């Protein structure tokens, strides 16, 4: 892993999303929205940016009842997040 600032990850809401997903396998959209304390549209916008960068994967498993959107951090997303955190730590030191 290379310590490198990442503009995609750096935005505060996206950084929070990556930090949260780094600590779990996946999370439901509504949990992420509530954690950020923002509207659905704001959450969707940030997830779309992360998805387009290849940093998260959105899953909508079909089954009984309401379709829920699940989000998971990809290997590339984990690497980008950890590299960004390493760059921030190097800056602080």
PDB file of N, CA and C in Angstrom:
ATOM      1  N   UNK A   1       0.845  -1.176   0.000  1.00  0.00           N
ATOM      2  CA  UNK A   1       0.000   0.000   0.000  1.00  0.00           C
ATOM      3  C   UNK A   1       0.893   1.243   0.000  1.00  0.00           C
ATOM      4  N   UNK A   2       0.571   2.161  -0.860  1.00  0.00           N
ATOM      5  CA  UNK A   2       1.302   3.412  -0.977  1.00  0.00           C
ATOM      6  C   UNK A   2       0.518   4.530  -0.312  1.00  0.00           C
ATOM      7  N   UNK A   3       1.213   5.315   0.502  1.00  0.00           N
ATOM      8  CA  UNK A   3       0.572   6.476   1.119  1.00  0.00           C
ATOM      9  C   UNK A   3       0.361   7.524   0.038  1.00  0.00           C
ATOM     10  N   UNK A   4      -0.897   7.755  -0.307  1.00  0.00           N
ATOM     11  CA  UNK A   4      -1.198   8.700  -1.378  1.00  0.00           C
ATOM     12  C   UNK A   4      -2.564   9.328  -1.143  1.00  0.00           C
ATOM     13  N   UNK A   5      -2.614  10.673  -1.249  1.00  0.00           N
ATOM     14  CA  UNK A   5      -3.889  11.360  -1.113  1.00  0.00           C
ATOM     15  C   UNK A   5      -4.813  10.938  -2.249  1.00  0.00           C
ATOM     16  N   UNK A   6      -6.088  10.806  -1.933  1.00  0.00           N
ATOM     17  CA  UNK A   6      -7.061  10.378  -2.929  1.00  0.00           C
ATOM     18  C   UNK A   6      -8.223  11.366  -2.907  1.00  0.00           C
ATOM     19  N   UNK A   7      -8.386  12.117  -3.978  1.00  0.00           N
ATOM     20  CA  UNK A   7      -9.426  13.145  -4.064  1.00  0.00           C
ATOM     21  C   UNK A   7     -10.830  12.557  -3.962  1.00  0.00           C
ATOM     22  N   UNK A   8     -11.020  11.350  -4.466  1.00  0.00           N
ATOM     23  CA  UNK A   8     -12.350  10.728  -4.406  1.00  0.00           C
ATOM     24  C   UNK A   8     -12.702  10.403  -2.958  1.00  0.00           C
ATOM     25  N   UNK A   9     -11.774   9.841  -2.238  1.00  0.00           N
ATOM     26  CA  UNK A   9     -12.005   9.440  -0.845  1.00  0.00           C
ATOM     27  C   UNK A   9     -12.024  10.649   0.086  1.00  0.00           C
ATOM     28  N   UNK A  10     -11.305  11.700  -0.252  1.00  0.00           N
ATOM     29  CA  UNK A  10     -11.063  12.828   0.657  1.00  0.00           C
ATOM     30  C   UNK A  10     -12.316  13.587   1.109  1.00  0.00           C
ATOM     31  N   UNK A  11     -13.334  13.693   0.275  1.00  0.00           N
ATOM     32  CA  UNK A  11     -14.548  14.422   0.666  1.00  0.00           C
ATOM     33  C   UNK A  11     -15.080  13.852   1.983  1.00  0.00           C
ATOM     34  N   UNK A  12     -15.436  14.702   2.938  1.00  0.00           N
ATOM     35  CA  UNK A  12     -15.805  14.216   4.279  1.00  0.00           C
ATOM     36  C   UNK A  12     -16.835  13.086   4.308  1.00  0.00           C
ATOM     37  N   UNK A  13     -17.917  13.200   3.558  1.00  0.00           N
ATOM     38  CA  UNK A  13     -18.924  12.131   3.585  1.00  0.00           C
ATOM     39  C   UNK A  13     -18.392  10.842   2.978  1.00  0.00           C
ATOM     40  N   UNK A  14     -17.617  10.946   1.914  1.00  0.00           N
ATOM     41  CA  UNK A  14     -17.059   9.738   1.298  1.00  0.00           C
ATOM     42  C   UNK A  14     -16.002   9.110   2.199  1.00  0.00           C
ATOM     43  N   UNK A  15     -15.247   9.940   2.905  1.00  0.00           N
ATOM     44  CA  UNK A  15     -14.263   9.423   3.854  1.00  0.00           C
ATOM     45  C   UNK A  15     -14.971   8.659   4.971  1.00  0.00           C
ATOM     46  N   UNK A  16     -16.075   9.196   5.465  1.00  0.00           N
ATOM     47  CA  UNK A  16     -16.855   8.502   6.498  1.00  0.00           C
ATOM     48  C   UNK A  16     -17.418   7.180   5.972  1.00  0.00           C
ATOM     49  N   UNK A  17     -17.910   7.188   4.748  1.00  0.00           N
ATOM     50  CA  UNK A  17     -18.443   5.962   4.159  1.00  0.00           C
ATOM     51  C   UNK A  17     -17.348   4.904   4.073  1.00  0.00           C
ATOM     52  N   UNK A  18     -16.191   5.282   3.564  1.00  0.00           N
ATOM     53  CA  UNK A  18     -15.084   4.329   3.427  1.00  0.00           C
ATOM     54  C   UNK A  18     -14.619   3.809   4.788  1.00  0.00           C
ATOM     55  N   UNK A  19     -14.520   4.699   5.770  1.00  0.00           N
ATOM     56  CA  UNK A  19     -14.102   4.284   7.112  1.00  0.00           C
ATOM     57  C   UNK A  19     -15.098   3.291   7.701  1.00  0.00           C
ATOM     58  N   UNK A  20     -16.378   3.573   7.530  1.00  0.00           N
ATOM     59  CA  UNK A  20     -17.414   2.686   8.050  1.00  0.00           C
ATOM     60  C   UNK A  20     -17.375   1.326   7.353  1.00  0.00           C
ATOM     61  N   UNK A  21     -17.298   1.348   6.024  1.00  0.00           N
ATOM     62  CA  UNK A  21     -17.292   0.086   5.271  1.00  0.00           C
ATOM     63  C   UNK A  21     -16.008  -0.697   5.484  1.00  0.00           C
ATOM     64  N   UNK A  22     -14.924  -0.018   5.809  1.00  0.00           N
ATOM     65  CA  UNK A  22     -13.661  -0.708   6.077  1.00  0.00           C
ATOM     66  C   UNK A  22     -13.757  -1.580   7.324  1.00  0.00           C
ATOM     67  N   UNK A  23     -14.689  -1.254   8.196  1.00  0.00           N
ATOM     68  CA  UNK A  23     -14.820  -2.001   9.451  1.00  0.00           C
ATOM     69  C   UNK A  23     -15.890  -3.091   9.392  1.00  0.00           C
ATOM     70  N   UNK A  24     -16.503  -3.283   8.227  1.00  0.00           N
ATOM     71  CA  UNK A  24     -17.576  -4.273   8.106  1.00  0.00           C
ATOM     72  C   UNK A  24     -17.570  -4.891   6.707  1.00  0.00           C
ATOM     73  N   UNK A  25     -18.265  -5.980   6.538  1.00  0.00           N
ATOM     74  CA  UNK A  25     -18.342  -6.622   5.218  1.00  0.00           C
ATOM     75  C   UNK A  25     -19.187  -5.804   4.254  1.00  0.00           C
ATOM     76  N   UNK A  26     -20.346  -5.368   4.726  1.00  0.00           N
ATOM     77  CA  UNK A  26     -21.262  -4.559   3.917  1.00  0.00           C
ATOM     78  C   UNK A  26     -22.254  -3.883   4.836  1.00  0.00           C
ATOM     79  N   UNK A  27     -22.921  -2.864   4.301  1.00  0.00           N
ATOM     80  CA  UNK A  27     -23.910  -2.131   5.086  1.00  0.00           C
ATOM     81  C   UNK A  27     -25.079  -1.759   4.193  1.00  0.00           C
ATOM     82  N   UNK A  28     -26.235  -1.661   4.795  1.00  0.00           N
ATOM     83  CA  UNK A  28     -27.438  -1.266   4.063  1.00  0.00           C
ATOM     84  C   UNK A  28     -27.412   0.254   3.837  1.00  0.00           C
ATOM     85  N   UNK A  29     -27.946   0.665   2.700  1.00  0.00           N
ATOM     86  CA  UNK A  29     -28.003   2.080   2.315  1.00  0.00           C
ATOM     87  C   UNK A  29     -28.540   2.943   3.455  1.00  0.00           C
ATOM     88  N   UNK A  30     -29.631   2.528   4.068  1.00  0.00           N
ATOM     89  CA  UNK A  30     -30.259   3.352   5.107  1.00  0.00           C
ATOM     90  C   UNK A  30     -29.359   3.531   6.330  1.00  0.00           C
ATOM     91  N   UNK A  31     -28.543   2.547   6.629  1.00  0.00           N
ATOM     92  CA  UNK A  31     -27.618   2.652   7.758  1.00  0.00           C
ATOM     93  C   UNK A  31     -26.553   3.705   7.441  1.00  0.00           C
ATOM     94  N   UNK A  32     -26.054   3.691   6.216  1.00  0.00           N
ATOM     95  CA  UNK A  32     -25.064   4.685   5.800  1.00  0.00           C
ATOM     96  C   UNK A  32     -25.683   6.083   5.816  1.00  0.00           C
ATOM     97  N   UNK A  33     -26.877   6.204   5.272  1.00  0.00           N
ATOM     98  CA  UNK A  33     -27.585   7.491   5.256  1.00  0.00           C
ATOM     99  C   UNK A  33     -27.755   8.022   6.670  1.00  0.00           C
ATOM    100  N   UNK A  34     -28.201   7.177   7.581  1.00  0.00           N
ATOM    101  CA  UNK A  34     -28.417   7.602   8.962  1.00  0.00           C
ATOM    102  C   UNK A  34     -27.107   7.968   9.658  1.00  0.00           C
ATOM    103  N   UNK A  35     -26.044   7.230   9.368  1.00  0.00           N
ATOM    104  CA  UNK A  35     -24.744   7.520   9.955  1.00  0.00           C
ATOM    105  C   UNK A  35     -24.263   8.905   9.514  1.00  0.00           C
ATOM    106  N   UNK A  36     -24.465   9.218   8.233  1.00  0.00           N
ATOM    107  CA  UNK A  36     -24.051  10.517   7.705  1.00  0.00           C
ATOM    108  C   UNK A  36     -24.997  11.639   8.136  1.00  0.00           C
ATOM    109  N   UNK A  37     -26.220  11.272   8.493  1.00  0.00           N
ATOM    110  CA  UNK A  37     -27.267  12.228   8.865  1.00  0.00           C
ATOM    111  C   UNK A  37     -27.544  13.200   7.711  1.00  0.00           C
ATOM    112  N   UNK A  38     -27.749  12.608   6.522  1.00  0.00           N
ATOM    113  CA  UNK A  38     -28.048  13.386   5.316  1.00  0.00           C
ATOM    114  C   UNK A  38     -29.233  12.742   4.593  1.00  0.00           C
ATOM    115  N   UNK A  39     -29.708  13.404   3.557  1.00  0.00           N
ATOM    116  CA  UNK A  39     -30.836  12.900   2.771  1.00  0.00           C
ATOM    117  C   UNK A  39     -30.403  11.740   1.875  1.00  0.00           C
ATOM    118  N   UNK A  40     -31.393  10.984   1.410  1.00  0.00           N
ATOM    119  CA  UNK A  40     -31.135   9.880   0.473  1.00  0.00           C
ATOM    120  C   UNK A  40     -30.348  10.358  -0.738  1.00  0.00           C
ATOM    121  N   UNK A  41     -30.734  11.519  -1.282  1.00  0.00           N
ATOM    122  CA  UNK A  41     -30.092  12.019  -2.500  1.00  0.00           C
ATOM    123  C   UNK A  41     -28.607  12.313  -2.283  1.00  0.00           C
ATOM    124  N   UNK A  42     -28.253  12.822  -1.125  1.00  0.00           N
ATOM    125  CA  UNK A  42     -26.848  13.119  -0.816  1.00  0.00           C
ATOM    126  C   UNK A  42     -26.073  11.810  -0.691  1.00  0.00           C
ATOM    127  N   UNK A  43     -26.658  10.844  -0.003  1.00  0.00           N
ATOM    128  CA  UNK A  43     -26.019   9.539   0.139  1.00  0.00           C
ATOM    129  C   UNK A  43     -25.820   8.895  -1.226  1.00  0.00           C
ATOM    130  N   UNK A  44     -26.851   8.929  -2.054  1.00  0.00           N
ATOM    131  CA  UNK A  44     -26.772   8.347  -3.400  1.00  0.00           C
ATOM    132  C   UNK A  44     -25.670   8.997  -4.216  1.00  0.00           C
ATOM    133  N   UNK A  45     -25.571  10.304  -4.135  1.00  0.00           N
ATOM    134  CA  UNK A  45     -24.554  11.028  -4.900  1.00  0.00           C
ATOM    135  C   UNK A  45     -23.151  10.562  -4.514  1.00  0.00           C
ATOM    136  N   UNK A  46     -22.883  10.483  -3.223  1.00  0.00           N
ATOM    137  CA  UNK A  46     -21.553  10.068  -2.776  1.00  0.00           C
ATOM    138  C   UNK A  46     -21.272   8.606  -3.107  1.00  0.00           C
ATOM    139  N   UNK A  47     -22.272   7.756  -2.977  1.00  0.00           N
ATOM    140  CA  UNK A  47     -22.076   6.349  -3.333  1.00  0.00           C
ATOM    141  C   UNK A  47     -21.843   6.191  -4.828  1.00  0.00           C
ATOM    142  N   UNK A  48     -22.513   6.999  -5.639  1.00  0.00           N
ATOM    143  CA  UNK A  48     -22.331   6.943  -7.087  1.00  0.00           C
ATOM    144  C   UNK A  48     -20.890   7.312  -7.472  1.00  0.00           C
ATOM    145  N   UNK A  49     -20.345   8.350  -6.825  1.00  0.00           N
ATOM    146  CA  UNK A  49     -18.956   8.752  -7.085  1.00  0.00           C
ATOM    147  C   UNK A  49     -18.005   7.618  -6.716  1.00  0.00           C
ATOM    148  N   UNK A  50     -18.218   7.018  -5.552  1.00  0.00           N
ATOM    149  CA  UNK A  50     -17.373   5.903  -5.118  1.00  0.00           C
ATOM    150  C   UNK A  50     -17.523   4.694  -6.029  1.00  0.00           C
ATOM    151  N   UNK A  51     -18.734   4.440  -6.476  1.00  0.00           N
ATOM    152  CA  UNK A  51     -18.977   3.306  -7.373  1.00  0.00           C
ATOM    153  C   UNK A  51     -18.307   3.535  -8.727  1.00  0.00           C
ATOM    154  N   UNK A  52     -18.409   4.731  -9.265  1.00  0.00           N
ATOM    155  CA  UNK A  52     -17.788   5.039 -10.551  1.00  0.00           C
ATOM    156  C   UNK A  52     -16.265   4.922 -10.485  1.00  0.00           C
ATOM    157  N   UNK A  53     -15.701   5.178  -9.321  1.00  0.00           N
ATOM    158  CA  UNK A  53     -14.254   5.034  -9.132  1.00  0.00           C
ATOM    159  C   UNK A  53     -13.862   3.573  -8.913  1.00  0.00           C
ATOM    160  N   UNK A  54     -14.857   2.710  -8.729  1.00  0.00           N
ATOM    161  CA  UNK A  54     -14.585   1.296  -8.476  1.00  0.00           C
ATOM    162  C   UNK A  54     -14.284   0.995  -7.024  1.00  0.00           C
ATOM    163  N   UNK A  55     -14.648   1.910  -6.122  1.00  0.00           N
ATOM    164  CA  UNK A  55     -14.323   1.761  -4.709  1.00  0.00           C
ATOM    165  C   UNK A  55     -15.414   1.075  -3.894  1.00  0.00           C
ATOM    166  N   UNK A  56     -16.648   1.122  -4.353  1.00  0.00           N
ATOM    167  CA  UNK A  56     -17.726   0.392  -3.682  1.00  0.00           C
ATOM    168  C   UNK A  56     -18.527  -0.380  -4.712  1.00  0.00           C
ATOM    169  N   UNK A  57     -19.210  -1.383  -4.234  1.00  0.00           N
ATOM    170  CA  UNK A  57     -20.117  -2.186  -5.053  1.00  0.00           C
ATOM    171  C   UNK A  57     -21.497  -2.079  -4.418  1.00  0.00           C
ATOM    172  N   UNK A  58     -22.500  -1.782  -5.236  1.00  0.00           N
ATOM    173  CA  UNK A  58     -23.878  -1.708  -4.759  1.00  0.00           C
ATOM    174  C   UNK A  58     -24.582  -3.002  -5.130  1.00  0.00           C
ATOM    175  N   UNK A  59     -25.230  -3.599  -4.162  1.00  0.00           N
ATOM    176  CA  UNK A  59     -25.917  -4.871  -4.356  1.00  0.00           C
ATOM    177  C   UNK A  59     -27.387  -4.699  -4.025  1.00  0.00           C
ATOM    178  N   UNK A  60     -28.242  -5.213  -4.898  1.00  0.00           N
ATOM    179  CA  UNK A  60     -29.689  -5.156  -4.668  1.00  0.00           C
ATOM    180  C   UNK A  60     -30.252  -6.567  -4.814  1.00  0.00           C
ATOM    181  N   UNK A  61     -30.037  -7.404  -3.794  1.00  0.00           N
ATOM    182  CA  UNK A  61     -30.537  -8.775  -3.892  1.00  0.00           C
ATOM    183  C   UNK A  61     -32.061  -8.802  -3.917  1.00  0.00           C
ATOM    184  N   UNK A  62     -32.589  -9.577  -4.822  1.00  0.00           N
ATOM    185  CA  UNK A  62     -34.048  -9.692  -4.900  1.00  0.00           C
ATOM    186  C   UNK A  62     -34.498 -10.826  -3.996  1.00  0.00           C
ATOM    187  N   UNK A  63     -35.681 -10.707  -3.536  1.00  0.00           N
ATOM    188  CA  UNK A  63     -36.228 -11.713  -2.644  1.00  0.00           C
ATOM    189  C   UNK A  63     -37.609 -11.272  -2.224  1.00  0.00           C
ATOM    190  N   UNK A  64     -38.024 -11.755  -1.122  1.00  0.00           N
ATOM    191  CA  UNK A  64     -39.336 -11.366  -0.613  1.00  0.00           C
ATOM    192  C   UNK A  64     -39.269  -9.978   0.005  1.00  0.00           C
ATOM    193  N   UNK A  65     -40.311  -9.237  -0.198  1.00  0.00           N
ATOM    194  CA  UNK A  65     -40.399  -7.917   0.428  1.00  0.00           C
ATOM    195  C   UNK A  65     -39.682  -6.836  -0.351  1.00  0.00           C
ATOM    196  N   UNK A  66     -39.433  -5.765   0.339  1.00  0.00           N
ATOM    197  CA  UNK A  66     -38.813  -4.582  -0.242  1.00  0.00           C
ATOM    198  C   UNK A  66     -37.369  -4.856  -0.667  1.00  0.00           C
ATOM    199  N   UNK A  67     -36.980  -4.329  -1.817  1.00  0.00           N
ATOM    200  CA  UNK A  67     -35.600  -4.468  -2.284  1.00  0.00           C
ATOM    201  C   UNK A  67     -34.744  -3.447  -1.532  1.00  0.00           C
ATOM    202  N   UNK A  68     -33.695  -3.923  -0.942  1.00  0.00           N
ATOM    203  CA  UNK A  68     -32.793  -3.061  -0.184  1.00  0.00           C
ATOM    204  C   UNK A  68     -31.452  -2.995  -0.889  1.00  0.00           C
ATOM    205  N   UNK A  69     -30.827  -1.852  -0.795  1.00  0.00           N
ATOM    206  CA  UNK A  69     -29.516  -1.669  -1.402  1.00  0.00           C
ATOM    207  C   UNK A  69     -28.438  -1.865  -0.340  1.00  0.00           C
ATOM    208  N   UNK A  70     -27.505  -2.750  -0.655  1.00  0.00           N
ATOM    209  CA  UNK A  70     -26.375  -3.013   0.222  1.00  0.00           C
ATOM    210  C   UNK A  70     -25.124  -2.467  -0.434  1.00  0.00           C
ATOM    211  N   UNK A  71     -24.187  -2.029   0.375  1.00  0.00           N
ATOM    212  CA  UNK A  71     -22.959  -1.418  -0.124  1.00  0.00           C
ATOM    213  C   UNK A  71     -21.771  -2.124   0.503  1.00  0.00           C
ATOM    214  N   UNK A  72     -20.783  -2.437  -0.335  1.00  0.00           N
ATOM    215  CA  UNK A  72     -19.560  -3.024   0.197  1.00  0.00           C
ATOM    216  C   UNK A  72     -18.347  -2.362  -0.442  1.00  0.00           C
ATOM    217  N   UNK A  73     -17.282  -2.281   0.312  1.00  0.00           N
ATOM    218  CA  UNK A  73     -16.032  -1.702  -0.150  1.00  0.00           C
ATOM    219  C   UNK A  73     -15.310  -2.738  -1.005  1.00  0.00           C
ATOM    220  N   UNK A  74     -14.828  -2.348  -2.173  1.00  0.00           N
ATOM    221  CA  UNK A  74     -14.078  -3.263  -3.034  1.00  0.00           C
ATOM    222  C   UNK A  74     -12.617  -3.294  -2.563  1.00  0.00           C
ATOM    223  N   UNK A  75     -11.845  -4.213  -3.121  1.00  0.00           N
ATOM    224  CA  UNK A  75     -10.414  -4.279  -2.798  1.00  0.00           C
ATOM    225  C   UNK A  75      -9.728  -2.974  -3.196  1.00  0.00           C
ATOM    226  N   UNK A  76     -10.097  -2.425  -4.351  1.00  0.00           N
ATOM    227  CA  UNK A  76      -9.519  -1.153  -4.795  1.00  0.00           C
ATOM    228  C   UNK A  76      -9.930  -0.018  -3.855  1.00  0.00           C
ATOM    229  N   UNK A  77     -11.164  -0.060  -3.369  1.00  0.00           N
ATOM    230  CA  UNK A  77     -11.642   0.947  -2.431  1.00  0.00           C
ATOM    231  C   UNK A  77     -10.908   0.878  -1.109  1.00  0.00           C
ATOM    232  N   UNK A  78     -10.683  -0.327  -0.632  1.00  0.00           N
ATOM    233  CA  UNK A  78      -9.959  -0.509   0.629  1.00  0.00           C
ATOM    234  C   UNK A  78      -8.530   0.020   0.480  1.00  0.00           C
ATOM    235  N   UNK A  79      -7.893  -0.288  -0.649  1.00  0.00           N
ATOM    236  CA  UNK A  79      -6.534   0.169  -0.896  1.00  0.00           C
ATOM    237  C   UNK A  79      -6.484   1.697  -0.982  1.00  0.00           C
ATOM    238  N   UNK A  80      -7.438   2.301  -1.686  1.00  0.00           N
ATOM    239  CA  UNK A  80      -7.480   3.759  -1.810  1.00  0.00           C
ATOM    240  C   UNK A  80      -7.696   4.412  -0.445  1.00  0.00           C
ATOM    241  N   UNK A  81      -8.614   3.854   0.341  1.00  0.00           N
ATOM    242  CA  UNK A  81      -8.899   4.395   1.674  1.00  0.00           C
ATOM    243  C   UNK A  81      -7.674   4.293   2.578  1.00  0.00           C
ATOM    244  N   UNK A  82      -7.077   3.121   2.648  1.00  0.00           N
ATOM    245  CA  UNK A  82      -5.917   2.924   3.523  1.00  0.00           C
ATOM    246  C   UNK A  82      -4.729   3.774   3.076  1.00  0.00           C
ATOM    247  N   UNK A  83      -4.542   3.934   1.767  1.00  0.00           N
ATOM    248  CA  UNK A  83      -3.484   4.798   1.257  1.00  0.00           C
ATOM    249  C   UNK A  83      -3.721   6.251   1.628  1.00  0.00           C
ATOM    250  N   UNK A  84      -4.971   6.678   1.562  1.00  0.00           N
ATOM    251  CA  UNK A  84      -5.323   8.053   1.924  1.00  0.00           C
ATOM    252  C   UNK A  84      -5.083   8.291   3.419  1.00  0.00           C
ATOM    253  N   UNK A  85      -5.488   7.347   4.234  1.00  0.00           N
ATOM    254  CA  UNK A  85      -5.272   7.453   5.687  1.00  0.00           C
ATOM    255  C   UNK A  85      -3.776   7.492   6.001  1.00  0.00           C
ATOM    256  N   UNK A  86      -2.996   6.670   5.309  1.00  0.00           N
ATOM    257  CA  UNK A  86      -1.544   6.668   5.521  1.00  0.00           C
ATOM    258  C   UNK A  86      -0.943   8.023   5.153  1.00  0.00           C
ATOM    259  N   UNK A  87      -1.430   8.633   4.069  1.00  0.00           N
ATOM    260  CA  UNK A  87      -0.938   9.952   3.652  1.00  0.00           C
ATOM    261  C   UNK A  87      -1.315  11.011   4.689  1.00  0.00           C
ATOM    262  N   UNK A  88      -2.513  10.924   5.239  1.00  0.00           N
ATOM    263  CA  UNK A  88      -2.926  11.872   6.285  1.00  0.00           C
ATOM    264  C   UNK A  88      -2.054  11.698   7.533  1.00  0.00           C
ATOM    265  N   UNK A  89      -1.784  10.458   7.902  1.00  0.00           N
ATOM    266  CA  UNK A  89      -0.942  10.215   9.074  1.00  0.00           C
ATOM    267  C   UNK A  89       0.467  10.756   8.859  1.00  0.00           C
ATOM    268  N   UNK A  90       1.003  10.568   7.647  1.00  0.00           N
ATOM    269  CA  UNK A  90       2.349  11.075   7.327  1.00  0.00           C
ATOM    270  C   UNK A  90       2.367  12.602   7.409  1.00  0.00           C
ATOM    271  N   UNK A  91       1.310  13.230   6.992  1.00  0.00           N
ATOM    272  CA  UNK A  91       1.212  14.696   7.051  1.00  0.00           C
ATOM    273  C   UNK A  91       1.206  15.176   8.502  1.00  0.00           C
ATOM    274  N   UNK A  92       0.503  14.466   9.354  1.00  0.00           N
ATOM    275  CA  UNK A  92       0.415  14.839  10.772  1.00  0.00           C
ATOM    276  C   UNK A  92       1.766  14.669  11.461  1.00  0.00           C
ATOM    277  N   UNK A  93       2.464  13.622  11.113  1.00  0.00           N
ATOM    278  CA  UNK A  93       3.771  13.353  11.739  1.00  0.00           C
ATOM    279  C   UNK A  93       4.765  14.336  11.221  1.00  0.00           C
TER     280      UNK A  93
END
